[in-house]
Amino acid sequence: MLFTIGLTAAALASAAFAQTVVQVGSSPSSPGGVFQYTPNNFNATNGTTITFRFSGAPGNHTVTQSTFSDPCDPRPGGFDSGWVFIPASPALSATPEWNLTITDDSKPIWFFCKQILPSSHCSSGMIGAINAPAKGNNTFAAFQANAEAFKGTPNQGEGGLVGIGASASAPVGPVPSGAQVYTAAPLSISGSGAAATVTAPAVTSHTSTPAPTKGSGASALSTSSLVAFLAVAVGFVLA
């Protein structure tokens, strides 16, 4: 009896501390290249913490919730890490991380990188799925094919900490010297693809661990337009 109780307690403790670590970005010499999450397709039960580790250097990536049918645009009401810039050198004193907790494991959770320079990271393969079905029409392979076929400009609107099926309780952190996290208000976009008209909002940035504001979790000092940020922050140009 005591042995059974002990096993049950151990199982509960294990479930309570379940964690999956996902590496965000990689190096040009890595198999799969720069634009990838590793792993990019996995299962997680309710209460599991998904730690997104922004380790790819150089890198400028996001973890943004999307949908199966629209893989390269932010999902309304979805989670969004904001852009996390990692320099090529020097090596950072700590690796920025973002923790998502699974709140509904009954449906797939789709995500992507919304960075658009030097080209769309999403259509280059930087997408991921949690609890995607292994069979049927909505598999990870089908989601990947949808992303690769995407020809438009990914919407740069900003989500928040709380998403659909998963949520974060804090922004990306720590943010050591050399790294930066950028967040922005939703963009106004009309049209699609090369003909899209983009109205850039003010961008906010921070170089130390921020505190979330009510509603979206984004905080910091306003610095420049989103377009200027994208041009400068990816100035090293990822291959």
C-alpha atoms as a PDB file:
ATOM      1  CA  MET A   1       0.000   0.000   0.000  1.00  0.00           C
ATOM      2  CA  LEU A   2       2.741   2.426   0.994  1.00  0.00           C
ATOM      3  CA  PHE A   3       4.734   1.347  -2.063  1.00  0.00           C
ATOM      4  CA  THR A   4       1.758   2.129  -4.323  1.00  0.00           C
ATOM      5  CA  ILE A   5       1.281   5.531  -2.702  1.00  0.00           C
ATOM      6  CA  GLY A   6       4.983   6.239  -3.178  1.00  0.00           C
ATOM      7  CA  LEU A   7       4.812   5.395  -6.880  1.00  0.00           C
ATOM      8  CA  THR A   8       1.735   7.574  -7.344  1.00  0.00           C
ATOM      9  CA  ALA A   9       3.406  10.520  -5.615  1.00  0.00           C
ATOM     10  CA  ALA A  10       6.511  10.080  -7.757  1.00  0.00           C
ATOM     11  CA  ALA A  11       4.419   9.982 -10.923  1.00  0.00           C
ATOM     12  CA  LEU A  12       2.571  13.147  -9.926  1.00  0.00           C
ATOM     13  CA  ALA A  13       5.837  14.915  -9.136  1.00  0.00           C
ATOM     14  CA  SER A  14       7.257  13.873 -12.489  1.00  0.00           C
ATOM     15  CA  ALA A  15       4.181  15.204 -14.303  1.00  0.00           C
ATOM     16  CA  ALA A  16       4.325  18.470 -12.387  1.00  0.00           C
ATOM     17  CA  PHE A  17       7.893  19.124 -13.532  1.00  0.00           C
ATOM     18  CA  ALA A  18       7.601  17.830 -17.107  1.00  0.00           C
ATOM     19  CA  GLN A  19       9.639  19.982 -19.457  1.00  0.00           C
ATOM     20  CA  THR A  20      10.597  20.042 -23.117  1.00  0.00           C
ATOM     21  CA  VAL A  21      13.477  22.221 -24.317  1.00  0.00           C
ATOM     22  CA  VAL A  22      13.309  23.631 -27.847  1.00  0.00           C
ATOM     23  CA  GLN A  23      16.361  25.285 -29.392  1.00  0.00           C
ATOM     24  CA  VAL A  24      15.389  28.388 -31.390  1.00  0.00           C
ATOM     25  CA  GLY A  25      17.613  28.978 -34.406  1.00  0.00           C
ATOM     26  CA  SER A  26      20.887  27.333 -35.255  1.00  0.00           C
ATOM     27  CA  SER A  27      24.096  28.008 -37.163  1.00  0.00           C
ATOM     28  CA  PRO A  28      24.549  28.042 -40.948  1.00  0.00           C
ATOM     29  CA  SER A  29      26.690  24.903 -40.726  1.00  0.00           C
ATOM     30  CA  SER A  30      24.094  22.916 -38.766  1.00  0.00           C
ATOM     31  CA  PRO A  31      21.986  20.251 -40.489  1.00  0.00           C
ATOM     32  CA  GLY A  32      18.817  22.095 -41.448  1.00  0.00           C
ATOM     33  CA  GLY A  33      20.537  25.486 -41.397  1.00  0.00           C
ATOM     34  CA  VAL A  34      19.717  28.623 -39.426  1.00  0.00           C
ATOM     35  CA  PHE A  35      15.936  28.670 -39.721  1.00  0.00           C
ATOM     36  CA  GLN A  36      14.728  25.873 -37.474  1.00  0.00           C
ATOM     37  CA  TYR A  37      13.339  24.878 -34.090  1.00  0.00           C
ATOM     38  CA  THR A  38      14.858  21.747 -32.580  1.00  0.00           C
ATOM     39  CA  PRO A  39      12.743  19.703 -32.015  1.00  0.00           C
ATOM     40  CA  ASN A  40      10.000  21.075 -34.218  1.00  0.00           C
ATOM     41  CA  ASN A  41       7.313  18.414 -33.765  1.00  0.00           C
ATOM     42  CA  PHE A  42       6.528  16.877 -30.372  1.00  0.00           C
ATOM     43  CA  ASN A  43       3.768  16.020 -27.916  1.00  0.00           C
ATOM     44  CA  ALA A  44       3.140  17.611 -24.522  1.00  0.00           C
ATOM     45  CA  THR A  45       0.435  17.083 -21.921  1.00  0.00           C
ATOM     46  CA  ASN A  46      -1.331  19.723 -19.858  1.00  0.00           C
ATOM     47  CA  GLY A  47       0.992  21.348 -17.354  1.00  0.00           C
ATOM     48  CA  THR A  48       4.131  20.636 -19.375  1.00  0.00           C
ATOM     49  CA  THR A  49       6.548  23.548 -19.640  1.00  0.00           C
ATOM     50  CA  ILE A  50       8.020  24.155 -23.086  1.00  0.00           C
ATOM     51  CA  THR A  51      11.270  26.087 -22.749  1.00  0.00           C
ATOM     52  CA  PHE A  52      12.232  27.894 -25.937  1.00  0.00           C
ATOM     53  CA  ARG A  53      15.969  28.536 -25.757  1.00  0.00           C
ATOM     54  CA  PHE A  54      17.206  31.254 -28.132  1.00  0.00           C
ATOM     55  CA  SER A  55      20.611  29.708 -28.712  1.00  0.00           C
ATOM     56  CA  GLY A  56      21.103  30.244 -32.454  1.00  0.00           C
ATOM     57  CA  ALA A  57      23.900  32.761 -33.035  1.00  0.00           C
ATOM     58  CA  PRO A  58      23.644  34.945 -34.942  1.00  0.00           C
ATOM     59  CA  GLY A  59      19.872  34.954 -34.757  1.00  0.00           C
ATOM     60  CA  ASN A  60      16.794  37.144 -34.748  1.00  0.00           C
ATOM     61  CA  HIS A  61      13.742  34.969 -34.219  1.00  0.00           C
ATOM     62  CA  THR A  62      10.292  34.756 -32.677  1.00  0.00           C
ATOM     63  CA  VAL A  63       8.030  32.035 -31.328  1.00  0.00           C
ATOM     64  CA  THR A  64       4.615  33.078 -32.627  1.00  0.00           C
ATOM     65  CA  GLN A  65       1.377  31.091 -32.584  1.00  0.00           C
ATOM     66  CA  SER A  66      -0.330  30.519 -35.927  1.00  0.00           C
ATOM     67  CA  THR A  67      -2.911  28.156 -37.399  1.00  0.00           C
ATOM     68  CA  PHE A  68      -2.723  25.088 -39.621  1.00  0.00           C
ATOM     69  CA  SER A  69      -4.422  26.837 -42.534  1.00  0.00           C
ATOM     70  CA  ASP A  70      -2.437  30.078 -42.168  1.00  0.00           C
ATOM     71  CA  PRO A  71       0.969  28.928 -40.899  1.00  0.00           C
ATOM     72  CA  CYS A  72       2.938  32.137 -41.470  1.00  0.00           C
ATOM     73  CA  ASP A  73       0.626  34.726 -39.894  1.00  0.00           C
ATOM     74  CA  PRO A  74       0.069  35.343 -36.165  1.00  0.00           C
ATOM     75  CA  ARG A  75      -3.081  33.769 -34.772  1.00  0.00           C
ATOM     76  CA  PRO A  76      -5.466  36.324 -33.225  1.00  0.00           C
ATOM     77  CA  GLY A  77      -5.266  35.857 -29.477  1.00  0.00           C
ATOM     78  CA  GLY A  78      -2.159  33.715 -29.846  1.00  0.00           C
ATOM     79  CA  PHE A  79       1.116  33.772 -27.928  1.00  0.00           C
ATOM     80  CA  ASP A  80       4.191  35.617 -29.174  1.00  0.00           C
ATOM     81  CA  SER A  81       7.687  35.873 -27.719  1.00  0.00           C
ATOM     82  CA  GLY A  82       8.615  39.022 -29.641  1.00  0.00           C
ATOM     83  CA  TRP A  83      11.844  39.229 -31.662  1.00  0.00           C
ATOM     84  CA  VAL A  84      14.922  37.971 -29.837  1.00  0.00           C
ATOM     85  CA  PHE A  85      18.228  39.182 -31.279  1.00  0.00           C
ATOM     86  CA  ILE A  86      21.349  37.111 -30.558  1.00  0.00           C
ATOM     87  CA  PRO A  87      24.681  38.513 -31.850  1.00  0.00           C
ATOM     88  CA  ALA A  88      27.261  36.395 -33.639  1.00  0.00           C
ATOM     89  CA  SER A  89      29.840  37.425 -31.045  1.00  0.00           C
ATOM     90  CA  PRO A  90      30.825  37.752 -28.323  1.00  0.00           C
ATOM     91  CA  ALA A  91      29.223  34.752 -26.636  1.00  0.00           C
ATOM     92  CA  LEU A  92      26.425  35.756 -24.272  1.00  0.00           C
ATOM     93  CA  SER A  93      26.791  35.321 -20.525  1.00  0.00           C
ATOM     94  CA  ALA A  94      23.368  33.633 -20.436  1.00  0.00           C
ATOM     95  CA  THR A  95      20.889  32.260 -22.965  1.00  0.00           C
ATOM     96  CA  PRO A  96      17.502  34.002 -23.277  1.00  0.00           C
ATOM     97  CA  GLU A  97      14.606  31.612 -22.694  1.00  0.00           C
ATOM     98  CA  TRP A  98      10.832  31.720 -22.891  1.00  0.00           C
ATOM     99  CA  ASN A  99       8.609  29.294 -21.008  1.00  0.00           C
ATOM    100  CA  LEU A 100       5.199  28.243 -22.297  1.00  0.00           C
ATOM    101  CA  THR A 101       2.892  26.034 -20.255  1.00  0.00           C
ATOM    102  CA  ILE A 102       0.453  23.743 -22.053  1.00  0.00           C
ATOM    103  CA  THR A 103      -3.122  24.469 -20.964  1.00  0.00           C
ATOM    104  CA  ASP A 104      -5.097  22.473 -23.542  1.00  0.00           C
ATOM    105  CA  ASP A 105      -3.520  19.355 -25.001  1.00  0.00           C
ATOM    106  CA  SER A 106      -6.672  18.265 -26.826  1.00  0.00           C
ATOM    107  CA  LYS A 107      -5.857  20.271 -29.955  1.00  0.00           C
ATOM    108  CA  PRO A 108      -2.667  20.911 -31.962  1.00  0.00           C
ATOM    109  CA  ILE A 109      -0.678  24.078 -31.275  1.00  0.00           C
ATOM    110  CA  TRP A 110       1.091  25.540 -34.306  1.00  0.00           C
ATOM    111  CA  PHE A 111       3.870  28.133 -34.202  1.00  0.00           C
ATOM    112  CA  PHE A 112       6.391  29.854 -36.476  1.00  0.00           C
ATOM    113  CA  CYS A 113       9.086  32.533 -36.710  1.00  0.00           C
ATOM    114  CA  LYS A 114       7.631  35.739 -38.162  1.00  0.00           C
ATOM    115  CA  GLN A 115      10.980  37.315 -39.089  1.00  0.00           C
ATOM    116  CA  ILE A 116      10.978  38.387 -42.745  1.00  0.00           C
ATOM    117  CA  LEU A 117      14.652  39.167 -43.416  1.00  0.00           C
ATOM    118  CA  PRO A 118      16.652  38.188 -45.340  1.00  0.00           C
ATOM    119  CA  SER A 119      13.588  36.158 -46.400  1.00  0.00           C
ATOM    120  CA  SER A 120      10.566  34.706 -44.647  1.00  0.00           C
ATOM    121  CA  HIS A 121      11.863  32.351 -41.960  1.00  0.00           C
ATOM    122  CA  CYS A 122       8.485  30.600 -41.894  1.00  0.00           C
ATOM    123  CA  SER A 123       8.419  29.650 -45.559  1.00  0.00           C
ATOM    124  CA  SER A 124      12.075  28.644 -45.178  1.00  0.00           C
ATOM    125  CA  GLY A 125      10.939  25.972 -42.733  1.00  0.00           C
ATOM    126  CA  MET A 126      11.058  27.649 -39.324  1.00  0.00           C
ATOM    127  CA  ILE A 127       7.775  26.264 -38.025  1.00  0.00           C
ATOM    128  CA  GLY A 128       6.770  23.943 -35.214  1.00  0.00           C
ATOM    129  CA  ALA A 129       3.881  21.923 -33.846  1.00  0.00           C
ATOM    130  CA  ILE A 130       2.810  20.609 -30.467  1.00  0.00           C
ATOM    131  CA  ASN A 131       0.429  17.630 -30.384  1.00  0.00           C
ATOM    132  CA  ALA A 132      -0.031  17.476 -34.149  1.00  0.00           C
ATOM    133  CA  PRO A 133      -1.900  14.329 -35.252  1.00  0.00           C
ATOM    134  CA  ALA A 134       0.218  11.568 -36.754  1.00  0.00           C
ATOM    135  CA  LYS A 135      -2.431  10.696 -39.341  1.00  0.00           C
ATOM    136  CA  GLY A 136      -5.091  12.473 -41.337  1.00  0.00           C
ATOM    137  CA  ASN A 137      -5.089  15.829 -43.070  1.00  0.00           C
ATOM    138  CA  ASN A 138      -3.635  18.026 -40.316  1.00  0.00           C
ATOM    139  CA  THR A 139      -0.274  16.357 -39.810  1.00  0.00           C
ATOM    140  CA  PHE A 140       2.985  18.171 -39.188  1.00  0.00           C
ATOM    141  CA  ALA A 141       4.123  17.287 -42.717  1.00  0.00           C
ATOM    142  CA  ALA A 142       0.999  18.948 -44.139  1.00  0.00           C
ATOM    143  CA  PHE A 143       1.576  22.031 -41.954  1.00  0.00           C
ATOM    144  CA  GLN A 144       5.161  22.180 -43.161  1.00  0.00           C
ATOM    145  CA  ALA A 145       4.002  21.978 -46.774  1.00  0.00           C
ATOM    146  CA  ASN A 146       1.543  24.835 -46.150  1.00  0.00           C
ATOM    147  CA  ALA A 147       4.355  26.987 -44.750  1.00  0.00           C
ATOM    148  CA  GLU A 148       6.721  26.255 -47.620  1.00  0.00           C
ATOM    149  CA  ALA A 149       3.978  27.186 -50.084  1.00  0.00           C
ATOM    150  CA  PHE A 150       3.341  30.535 -48.359  1.00  0.00           C
ATOM    151  CA  LYS A 151       4.090  33.387 -50.788  1.00  0.00           C
ATOM    152  CA  GLY A 152       2.899  36.448 -48.884  1.00  0.00           C
ATOM    153  CA  THR A 153       4.500  38.697 -46.287  1.00  0.00           C
ATOM    154  CA  PRO A 154       4.026  37.351 -42.747  1.00  0.00           C
ATOM    155  CA  ASN A 155       1.988  39.762 -40.655  1.00  0.00           C
ATOM    156  CA  GLN A 156       4.199  41.394 -38.030  1.00  0.00           C
ATOM    157  CA  GLY A 157       1.414  42.046 -35.519  1.00  0.00           C
ATOM    158  CA  GLU A 158       2.380  41.296 -31.925  1.00  0.00           C
ATOM    159  CA  GLY A 159       0.644  38.690 -29.800  1.00  0.00           C
ATOM    160  CA  GLY A 160       0.857  38.360 -26.040  1.00  0.00           C
ATOM    161  CA  LEU A 161       1.889  36.031 -23.264  1.00  0.00           C
ATOM    162  CA  VAL A 162      -1.401  34.143 -23.176  1.00  0.00           C
ATOM    163  CA  GLY A 163      -2.182  32.063 -26.234  1.00  0.00           C
ATOM    164  CA  ILE A 164      -4.699  29.429 -27.235  1.00  0.00           C
ATOM    165  CA  GLY A 165      -3.804  26.108 -25.660  1.00  0.00           C
ATOM    166  CA  ALA A 166      -0.595  27.437 -24.101  1.00  0.00           C
ATOM    167  CA  SER A 167       0.522  30.511 -22.196  1.00  0.00           C
ATOM    168  CA  ALA A 168       3.578  32.159 -20.682  1.00  0.00           C
ATOM    169  CA  SER A 169       3.701  33.921 -17.333  1.00  0.00           C
ATOM    170  CA  ALA A 170       6.695  36.141 -18.139  1.00  0.00           C
ATOM    171  CA  PRO A 171       8.509  37.644 -21.153  1.00  0.00           C
ATOM    172  CA  VAL A 172      11.789  36.304 -22.536  1.00  0.00           C
ATOM    173  CA  GLY A 173      14.604  36.350 -20.015  1.00  0.00           C
ATOM    174  CA  PRO A 174      17.313  36.718 -19.005  1.00  0.00           C
ATOM    175  CA  VAL A 175      18.388  39.285 -21.593  1.00  0.00           C
ATOM    176  CA  PRO A 176      22.150  39.661 -21.106  1.00  0.00           C
ATOM    177  CA  SER A 177      24.323  42.392 -22.552  1.00  0.00           C
ATOM    178  CA  GLY A 178      24.531  42.011 -26.323  1.00  0.00           C
ATOM    179  CA  ALA A 179      21.098  40.436 -26.721  1.00  0.00           C
ATOM    180  CA  GLN A 180      17.884  42.345 -27.305  1.00  0.00           C
ATOM    181  CA  VAL A 181      14.177  41.562 -27.219  1.00  0.00           C
ATOM    182  CA  TYR A 182      11.830  43.634 -29.377  1.00  0.00           C
ATOM    183  CA  THR A 183       8.058  43.840 -29.192  1.00  0.00           C
ATOM    184  CA  ALA A 184       5.590  45.871 -31.266  1.00  0.00           C
ATOM    185  CA  ALA A 185       1.954  46.860 -31.554  1.00  0.00           C
ATOM    186  CA  PRO A 186      -0.123  45.174 -34.290  1.00  0.00           C
ATOM    187  CA  LEU A 187       0.612  46.317 -37.830  1.00  0.00           C
ATOM    188  CA  SER A 188      -1.943  47.565 -40.294  1.00  0.00           C
ATOM    189  CA  ILE A 189      -1.497  45.492 -43.443  1.00  0.00           C
ATOM    190  CA  SER A 190      -3.548  45.563 -46.636  1.00  0.00           C
ATOM    191  CA  GLY A 191      -3.023  43.269 -49.576  1.00  0.00           C
ATOM    192  CA  SER A 192      -0.611  40.347 -49.626  1.00  0.00           C
ATOM    193  CA  GLY A 193       2.720  39.277 -51.019  1.00  0.00           C
ATOM    194  CA  ALA A 194       4.846  41.811 -52.847  1.00  0.00           C
ATOM    195  CA  ALA A 195       1.880  44.166 -53.182  1.00  0.00           C
ATOM    196  CA  ALA A 196       1.260  44.341 -49.436  1.00  0.00           C
ATOM    197  CA  THR A 197       1.205  47.776 -47.853  1.00  0.00           C
ATOM    198  CA  VAL A 198       2.669  47.736 -44.360  1.00  0.00           C
ATOM    199  CA  THR A 199       2.189  50.479 -41.810  1.00  0.00           C
ATOM    200  CA  ALA A 200       4.947  50.109 -39.223  1.00  0.00           C
ATOM    201  CA  PRO A 201       4.236  50.825 -35.552  1.00  0.00           C
ATOM    202  CA  ALA A 202       6.715  51.959 -32.950  1.00  0.00           C
ATOM    203  CA  VAL A 203       8.992  49.177 -31.764  1.00  0.00           C
ATOM    204  CA  THR A 204      10.030  48.677 -28.169  1.00  0.00           C
ATOM    205  CA  SER A 205      13.242  47.057 -27.039  1.00  0.00           C
ATOM    206  CA  HIS A 206      14.918  46.048 -23.839  1.00  0.00           C
ATOM    207  CA  THR A 207      18.287  44.652 -22.897  1.00  0.00           C
ATOM    208  CA  SER A 208      17.385  43.477 -19.431  1.00  0.00           C
ATOM    209  CA  THR A 209      14.626  41.201 -18.196  1.00  0.00           C
ATOM    210  CA  PRO A 210      11.374  43.209 -18.445  1.00  0.00           C
ATOM    211  CA  ALA A 211       8.173  43.135 -16.453  1.00  0.00           C
ATOM    212  CA  PRO A 212       4.959  42.463 -18.381  1.00  0.00           C
ATOM    213  CA  THR A 213       2.376  45.162 -18.838  1.00  0.00           C
ATOM    214  CA  LYS A 214      -1.322  44.491 -18.464  1.00  0.00           C
ATOM    215  CA  GLY A 215      -2.790  42.798 -21.513  1.00  0.00           C
ATOM    216  CA  SER A 216       0.109  41.778 -23.730  1.00  0.00           C
ATOM    217  CA  GLY A 217       3.139  41.382 -21.501  1.00  0.00           C
ATOM    218  CA  ALA A 218       5.214  43.699 -23.674  1.00  0.00           C
ATOM    219  CA  SER A 219       7.298  46.427 -22.060  1.00  0.00           C
ATOM    220  CA  ALA A 220      10.281  48.691 -22.810  1.00  0.00           C
ATOM    221  CA  LEU A 221      11.405  51.986 -24.287  1.00  0.00           C
ATOM    222  CA  SER A 222      10.204  53.031 -27.737  1.00  0.00           C
ATOM    223  CA  THR A 223      13.125  53.221 -30.151  1.00  0.00           C
ATOM    224  CA  SER A 224      12.290  53.148 -33.859  1.00  0.00           C
ATOM    225  CA  SER A 225       9.981  51.848 -36.508  1.00  0.00           C
ATOM    226  CA  LEU A 226       9.617  48.133 -37.095  1.00  0.00           C
ATOM    227  CA  VAL A 227      11.005  48.381 -40.605  1.00  0.00           C
ATOM    228  CA  ALA A 228      14.124  50.146 -39.361  1.00  0.00           C
ATOM    229  CA  PHE A 229      14.560  47.524 -36.662  1.00  0.00           C
ATOM    230  CA  LEU A 230      14.278  44.655 -39.102  1.00  0.00           C
ATOM    231  CA  ALA A 231      16.802  46.224 -41.451  1.00  0.00           C
ATOM    232  CA  VAL A 232      19.363  46.945 -38.741  1.00  0.00           C
ATOM    233  CA  ALA A 233      18.920  43.947 -36.469  1.00  0.00           C
ATOM    234  CA  VAL A 234      19.357  41.545 -39.339  1.00  0.00           C
ATOM    235  CA  GLY A 235      22.177  43.604 -40.770  1.00  0.00           C
ATOM    236  CA  PHE A 236      24.515  40.676 -40.290  1.00  0.00           C
ATOM    237  CA  VAL A 237      22.224  38.905 -42.869  1.00  0.00           C
ATOM    238  CA  LEU A 238      21.543  35.306 -42.092  1.00  0.00           C
ATOM    239  CA  ALA A 239      22.436  32.902 -44.857  1.00  0.00           C
END
